[in-house]
């Protein structure tokens, strides 16, 4: 299993967390999602077939920029 931490500067409320979580749950291979509002970070644990690019794309698809 791999883990990635992504900075999502526009994530600032529980609605944002819910939206990001819902989109990430649709990516096959994503196993754990932790959204940290104070640091505006999303931690994702995943395995194949999920990729870092797919995870970033899912967050961008729901309207957020990933740094």
PDB file of N, CA and C in Angstrom:
ATOM      1  N   UNK A   1       0.849  -1.181   0.000  1.00  0.00           N
ATOM      2  CA  UNK A   1       0.000   0.000   0.000  1.00  0.00           C
ATOM      3  C   UNK A   1       0.896   1.247   0.000  1.00  0.00           C
ATOM      4  N   UNK A   2       0.489   2.246  -0.751  1.00  0.00           N
ATOM      5  CA  UNK A   2       1.192   3.521  -0.834  1.00  0.00           C
ATOM      6  C   UNK A   2       0.376   4.606  -0.133  1.00  0.00           C
ATOM      7  N   UNK A   3       1.056   5.655   0.296  1.00  0.00           N
ATOM      8  CA  UNK A   3       0.379   6.794   0.914  1.00  0.00           C
ATOM      9  C   UNK A   3       0.905   8.077   0.285  1.00  0.00           C
ATOM     10  N   UNK A   4      -0.015   9.005   0.050  1.00  0.00           N
ATOM     11  CA  UNK A   4       0.372  10.313  -0.486  1.00  0.00           C
ATOM     12  C   UNK A   4      -0.330  11.391   0.326  1.00  0.00           C
ATOM     13  N   UNK A   5       0.329  12.514   0.517  1.00  0.00           N
ATOM     14  CA  UNK A   5      -0.265  13.679   1.166  1.00  0.00           C
ATOM     15  C   UNK A   5      -0.249  14.815   0.169  1.00  0.00           C
ATOM     16  N   UNK A   6      -1.429  15.362  -0.099  1.00  0.00           N
ATOM     17  CA  UNK A   6      -1.573  16.437  -1.081  1.00  0.00           C
ATOM     18  C   UNK A   6      -2.086  17.704  -0.407  1.00  0.00           C
ATOM     19  N   UNK A   7      -1.561  18.828  -0.811  1.00  0.00           N
ATOM     20  CA  UNK A   7      -2.012  20.128  -0.315  1.00  0.00           C
ATOM     21  C   UNK A   7      -3.190  20.581  -1.175  1.00  0.00           C
ATOM     22  N   UNK A   8      -4.315  20.910  -0.525  1.00  0.00           N
ATOM     23  CA  UNK A   8      -5.526  21.382  -1.215  1.00  0.00           C
ATOM     24  C   UNK A   8      -5.929  22.703  -0.567  1.00  0.00           C
ATOM     25  N   UNK A   9      -5.343  23.820  -1.037  1.00  0.00           N
ATOM     26  CA  UNK A   9      -5.519  25.114  -0.367  1.00  0.00           C
ATOM     27  C   UNK A   9      -6.962  25.610  -0.283  1.00  0.00           C
ATOM     28  N   UNK A  10      -7.813  25.187  -1.189  1.00  0.00           N
ATOM     29  CA  UNK A  10      -9.204  25.673  -1.198  1.00  0.00           C
ATOM     30  C   UNK A  10     -10.117  24.876  -0.264  1.00  0.00           C
ATOM     31  N   UNK A  11      -9.624  23.816   0.340  1.00  0.00           N
ATOM     32  CA  UNK A  11     -10.429  22.994   1.247  1.00  0.00           C
ATOM     33  C   UNK A  11     -10.522  23.718   2.587  1.00  0.00           C
ATOM     34  N   UNK A  12     -11.719  24.224   2.925  1.00  0.00           N
ATOM     35  CA  UNK A  12     -11.819  25.000   4.157  1.00  0.00           C
ATOM     36  C   UNK A  12     -13.078  24.765   4.980  1.00  0.00           C
ATOM     37  N   UNK A  13     -13.845  23.717   4.667  1.00  0.00           N
ATOM     38  CA  UNK A  13     -15.041  23.443   5.477  1.00  0.00           C
ATOM     39  C   UNK A  13     -15.416  21.963   5.369  1.00  0.00           C
ATOM     40  N   UNK A  14     -16.362  21.554   6.180  1.00  0.00           N
ATOM     41  CA  UNK A  14     -16.768  20.144   6.187  1.00  0.00           C
ATOM     42  C   UNK A  14     -17.427  19.736   4.870  1.00  0.00           C
ATOM     43  N   UNK A  15     -18.069  20.680   4.186  1.00  0.00           N
ATOM     44  CA  UNK A  15     -18.659  20.375   2.881  1.00  0.00           C
ATOM     45  C   UNK A  15     -17.553  20.029   1.879  1.00  0.00           C
ATOM     46  N   UNK A  16     -16.464  20.767   1.913  1.00  0.00           N
ATOM     47  CA  UNK A  16     -15.311  20.486   1.041  1.00  0.00           C
ATOM     48  C   UNK A  16     -14.775  19.083   1.323  1.00  0.00           C
ATOM     49  N   UNK A  17     -14.612  18.756   2.591  1.00  0.00           N
ATOM     50  CA  UNK A  17     -14.102  17.445   2.994  1.00  0.00           C
ATOM     51  C   UNK A  17     -15.023  16.346   2.467  1.00  0.00           C
ATOM     52  N   UNK A  18     -16.311  16.534   2.618  1.00  0.00           N
ATOM     53  CA  UNK A  18     -17.283  15.543   2.167  1.00  0.00           C
ATOM     54  C   UNK A  18     -17.215  15.348   0.652  1.00  0.00           C
ATOM     55  N   UNK A  19     -17.124  16.444  -0.067  1.00  0.00           N
ATOM     56  CA  UNK A  19     -17.074  16.386  -1.530  1.00  0.00           C
ATOM     57  C   UNK A  19     -15.810  15.668  -2.005  1.00  0.00           C
ATOM     58  N   UNK A  20     -14.671  16.034  -1.441  1.00  0.00           N
ATOM     59  CA  UNK A  20     -13.407  15.401  -1.818  1.00  0.00           C
ATOM     60  C   UNK A  20     -13.434  13.911  -1.476  1.00  0.00           C
ATOM     61  N   UNK A  21     -13.918  13.587  -0.293  1.00  0.00           N
ATOM     62  CA  UNK A  21     -13.993  12.189   0.134  1.00  0.00           C
ATOM     63  C   UNK A  21     -14.858  11.373  -0.815  1.00  0.00           C
ATOM     64  N   UNK A  22     -16.019  11.913  -1.182  1.00  0.00           N
ATOM     65  CA  UNK A  22     -16.922  11.191  -2.094  1.00  0.00           C
ATOM     66  C   UNK A  22     -16.268  10.932  -3.443  1.00  0.00           C
ATOM     67  N   UNK A  23     -15.567  11.916  -3.982  1.00  0.00           N
ATOM     68  CA  UNK A  23     -14.906  11.739  -5.277  1.00  0.00           C
ATOM     69  C   UNK A  23     -13.769  10.725  -5.171  1.00  0.00           C
ATOM     70  N   UNK A  24     -12.999  10.773  -4.097  1.00  0.00           N
ATOM     71  CA  UNK A  24     -11.880   9.849  -3.945  1.00  0.00           C
ATOM     72  C   UNK A  24     -12.341   8.407  -3.730  1.00  0.00           C
ATOM     73  N   UNK A  25     -13.494   8.233  -3.093  1.00  0.00           N
ATOM     74  CA  UNK A  25     -14.012   6.889  -2.866  1.00  0.00           C
ATOM     75  C   UNK A  25     -14.368   6.185  -4.181  1.00  0.00           C
ATOM     76  N   UNK A  26     -14.541   6.949  -5.242  1.00  0.00           N
ATOM     77  CA  UNK A  26     -14.859   6.381  -6.549  1.00  0.00           C
ATOM     78  C   UNK A  26     -13.624   5.858  -7.283  1.00  0.00           C
ATOM     79  N   UNK A  27     -12.436   6.188  -6.793  1.00  0.00           N
ATOM     80  CA  UNK A  27     -11.201   5.733  -7.437  1.00  0.00           C
ATOM     81  C   UNK A  27     -10.887   4.327  -6.939  1.00  0.00           C
ATOM     82  N   UNK A  28     -10.870   3.374  -7.858  1.00  0.00           N
ATOM     83  CA  UNK A  28     -10.610   1.988  -7.490  1.00  0.00           C
ATOM     84  C   UNK A  28      -9.187   1.854  -6.954  1.00  0.00           C
ATOM     85  N   UNK A  29      -9.056   1.278  -5.776  1.00  0.00           N
ATOM     86  CA  UNK A  29      -7.753   1.098  -5.146  1.00  0.00           C
ATOM     87  C   UNK A  29      -7.519   2.028  -3.968  1.00  0.00           C
ATOM     88  N   UNK A  30      -8.340   3.093  -3.854  1.00  0.00           N
ATOM     89  CA  UNK A  30      -8.217   3.997  -2.707  1.00  0.00           C
ATOM     90  C   UNK A  30      -8.774   3.277  -1.480  1.00  0.00           C
ATOM     91  N   UNK A  31      -7.966   3.215  -0.421  1.00  0.00           N
ATOM     92  CA  UNK A  31      -8.365   2.455   0.762  1.00  0.00           C
ATOM     93  C   UNK A  31      -8.668   3.320   1.976  1.00  0.00           C
ATOM     94  N   UNK A  32      -7.916   4.390   2.161  1.00  0.00           N
ATOM     95  CA  UNK A  32      -8.147   5.277   3.303  1.00  0.00           C
ATOM     96  C   UNK A  32      -8.005   6.723   2.864  1.00  0.00           C
ATOM     97  N   UNK A  33      -8.866   7.575   3.411  1.00  0.00           N
ATOM     98  CA  UNK A  33      -8.838   9.006   3.094  1.00  0.00           C
ATOM     99  C   UNK A  33      -8.911   9.768   4.404  1.00  0.00           C
ATOM    100  N   UNK A  34      -7.992  10.709   4.583  1.00  0.00           N
ATOM    101  CA  UNK A  34      -8.014  11.563   5.770  1.00  0.00           C
ATOM    102  C   UNK A  34      -7.828  13.006   5.317  1.00  0.00           C
ATOM    103  N   UNK A  35      -8.829  13.827   5.571  1.00  0.00           N
ATOM    104  CA  UNK A  35      -8.765  15.246   5.213  1.00  0.00           C
ATOM    105  C   UNK A  35      -8.471  16.060   6.473  1.00  0.00           C
ATOM    106  N   UNK A  36      -7.410  16.839   6.427  1.00  0.00           N
ATOM    107  CA  UNK A  36      -6.986  17.634   7.575  1.00  0.00           C
ATOM    108  C   UNK A  36      -7.237  19.109   7.278  1.00  0.00           C
ATOM    109  N   UNK A  37      -8.338  19.636   7.811  1.00  0.00           N
ATOM    110  CA  UNK A  37      -8.697  21.025   7.531  1.00  0.00           C
ATOM    111  C   UNK A  37      -7.660  22.045   7.997  1.00  0.00           C
ATOM    112  N   UNK A  38      -7.115  21.949   9.217  1.00  0.00           N
ATOM    113  CA  UNK A  38      -6.171  22.987   9.671  1.00  0.00           C
ATOM    114  C   UNK A  38      -4.970  23.151   8.736  1.00  0.00           C
ATOM    115  N   UNK A  39      -4.455  22.047   8.214  1.00  0.00           N
ATOM    116  CA  UNK A  39      -3.284  22.123   7.335  1.00  0.00           C
ATOM    117  C   UNK A  39      -3.663  22.087   5.852  1.00  0.00           C
ATOM    118  N   UNK A  40      -4.965  21.926   5.583  1.00  0.00           N
ATOM    119  CA  UNK A  40      -5.481  21.863   4.206  1.00  0.00           C
ATOM    120  C   UNK A  40      -4.787  20.767   3.402  1.00  0.00           C
ATOM    121  N   UNK A  41      -4.675  19.589   4.036  1.00  0.00           N
ATOM    122  CA  UNK A  41      -4.035  18.444   3.405  1.00  0.00           C
ATOM    123  C   UNK A  41      -4.997  17.269   3.320  1.00  0.00           C
ATOM    124  N   UNK A  42      -4.791  16.471   2.271  1.00  0.00           N
ATOM    125  CA  UNK A  42      -5.548  15.239   2.097  1.00  0.00           C
ATOM    126  C   UNK A  42      -4.540  14.100   2.053  1.00  0.00           C
ATOM    127  N   UNK A  43      -4.693  13.147   2.977  1.00  0.00           N
ATOM    128  CA  UNK A  43      -3.826  11.965   3.000  1.00  0.00           C
ATOM    129  C   UNK A  43      -4.629  10.800   2.440  1.00  0.00           C
ATOM    130  N   UNK A  44      -4.024  10.098   1.494  1.00  0.00           N
ATOM    131  CA  UNK A  44      -4.712   8.991   0.839  1.00  0.00           C
ATOM    132  C   UNK A  44      -3.808   7.762   0.856  1.00  0.00           C
ATOM    133  N   UNK A  45      -4.353   6.654   1.335  1.00  0.00           N
ATOM    134  CA  UNK A  45      -3.674   5.362   1.260  1.00  0.00           C
ATOM    135  C   UNK A  45      -4.314   4.608   0.101  1.00  0.00           C
ATOM    136  N   UNK A  46      -3.476   4.061  -0.776  1.00  0.00           N
ATOM    137  CA  UNK A  46      -4.010   3.423  -1.974  1.00  0.00           C
ATOM    138  C   UNK A  46      -3.100   2.298  -2.441  1.00  0.00           C
ATOM    139  N   UNK A  47      -3.654   1.448  -3.281  1.00  0.00           N
ATOM    140  CA  UNK A  47      -2.887   0.394  -3.934  1.00  0.00           C
ATOM    141  C   UNK A  47      -3.367   0.313  -5.376  1.00  0.00           C
ATOM    142  N   UNK A  48      -2.697  -0.505  -6.163  1.00  0.00           N
ATOM    143  CA  UNK A  48      -3.104  -0.656  -7.561  1.00  0.00           C
ATOM    144  C   UNK A  48      -4.538  -1.132  -7.629  1.00  0.00           C
ATOM    145  N   UNK A  49      -5.314  -0.676  -8.578  1.00  0.00           N
ATOM    146  CA  UNK A  49      -4.924   0.052  -9.775  1.00  0.00           C
ATOM    147  C   UNK A  49      -4.882   1.574  -9.625  1.00  0.00           C
ATOM    148  N   UNK A  50      -5.109   2.111  -8.439  1.00  0.00           N
ATOM    149  CA  UNK A  50      -5.091   3.570  -8.256  1.00  0.00           C
ATOM    150  C   UNK A  50      -3.677   4.113  -8.461  1.00  0.00           C
ATOM    151  N   UNK A  51      -3.598   5.328  -8.977  1.00  0.00           N
ATOM    152  CA  UNK A  51      -2.311   5.996  -9.156  1.00  0.00           C
ATOM    153  C   UNK A  51      -2.393   7.401  -8.561  1.00  0.00           C
ATOM    154  N   UNK A  52      -1.239   7.999  -8.347  1.00  0.00           N
ATOM    155  CA  UNK A  52      -1.191   9.370  -7.824  1.00  0.00           C
ATOM    156  C   UNK A  52      -1.929  10.306  -8.781  1.00  0.00           C
ATOM    157  N   UNK A  53      -1.738  10.118 -10.073  1.00  0.00           N
ATOM    158  CA  UNK A  53      -2.407  10.977 -11.055  1.00  0.00           C
ATOM    159  C   UNK A  53      -3.923  10.847 -10.975  1.00  0.00           C
ATOM    160  N   UNK A  54      -4.429   9.636 -10.789  1.00  0.00           N
ATOM    161  CA  UNK A  54      -5.879   9.444 -10.665  1.00  0.00           C
ATOM    162  C   UNK A  54      -6.418  10.122  -9.410  1.00  0.00           C
ATOM    163  N   UNK A  55      -5.668  10.069  -8.337  1.00  0.00           N
ATOM    164  CA  UNK A  55      -6.084  10.698  -7.082  1.00  0.00           C
ATOM    165  C   UNK A  55      -6.130  12.212  -7.249  1.00  0.00           C
ATOM    166  N   UNK A  56      -5.076  12.788  -7.843  1.00  0.00           N
ATOM    167  CA  UNK A  56      -5.060  14.229  -8.093  1.00  0.00           C
ATOM    168  C   UNK A  56      -6.211  14.628  -9.012  1.00  0.00           C
ATOM    169  N   UNK A  57      -6.434  13.837 -10.040  1.00  0.00           N
ATOM    170  CA  UNK A  57      -7.499  14.129 -11.003  1.00  0.00           C
ATOM    171  C   UNK A  57      -8.877  14.106 -10.335  1.00  0.00           C
ATOM    172  N   UNK A  58      -9.102  13.167  -9.424  1.00  0.00           N
ATOM    173  CA  UNK A  58     -10.387  13.081  -8.727  1.00  0.00           C
ATOM    174  C   UNK A  58     -10.635  14.343  -7.903  1.00  0.00           C
ATOM    175  N   UNK A  59      -9.592  14.836  -7.229  1.00  0.00           N
ATOM    176  CA  UNK A  59      -9.744  16.059  -6.431  1.00  0.00           C
ATOM    177  C   UNK A  59      -9.995  17.259  -7.340  1.00  0.00           C
ATOM    178  N   UNK A  60      -9.278  17.330  -8.451  1.00  0.00           N
ATOM    179  CA  UNK A  60      -9.478  18.430  -9.400  1.00  0.00           C
ATOM    180  C   UNK A  60     -10.846  18.355 -10.057  1.00  0.00           C
ATOM    181  N   UNK A  61     -11.346  17.143 -10.316  1.00  0.00           N
ATOM    182  CA  UNK A  61     -12.658  16.967 -10.936  1.00  0.00           C
ATOM    183  C   UNK A  61     -13.792  17.492 -10.059  1.00  0.00           C
ATOM    184  N   UNK A  62     -13.573  17.535  -8.741  1.00  0.00           N
ATOM    185  CA  UNK A  62     -14.631  18.066  -7.882  1.00  0.00           C
ATOM    186  C   UNK A  62     -14.424  19.543  -7.577  1.00  0.00           C
ATOM    187  N   UNK A  63     -13.495  20.197  -8.303  1.00  0.00           N
ATOM    188  CA  UNK A  63     -13.394  21.642  -8.256  1.00  0.00           C
ATOM    189  C   UNK A  63     -12.296  22.239  -7.397  1.00  0.00           C
ATOM    190  N   UNK A  64     -11.323  21.429  -6.993  1.00  0.00           N
ATOM    191  CA  UNK A  64     -10.253  21.930  -6.137  1.00  0.00           C
ATOM    192  C   UNK A  64      -8.904  21.821  -6.836  1.00  0.00           C
ATOM    193  N   UNK A  65      -8.027  22.770  -6.522  1.00  0.00           N
ATOM    194  CA  UNK A  65      -6.658  22.706  -7.031  1.00  0.00           C
ATOM    195  C   UNK A  65      -5.814  21.875  -6.083  1.00  0.00           C
ATOM    196  N   UNK A  66      -4.867  21.143  -6.658  1.00  0.00           N
ATOM    197  CA  UNK A  66      -3.946  20.337  -5.869  1.00  0.00           C
ATOM    198  C   UNK A  66      -2.547  20.906  -6.062  1.00  0.00           C
ATOM    199  N   UNK A  67      -1.862  21.118  -4.955  1.00  0.00           N
ATOM    200  CA  UNK A  67      -0.473  21.617  -5.037  1.00  0.00           C
ATOM    201  C   UNK A  67       0.493  20.486  -4.786  1.00  0.00           C
TER     202      UNK A  67
END
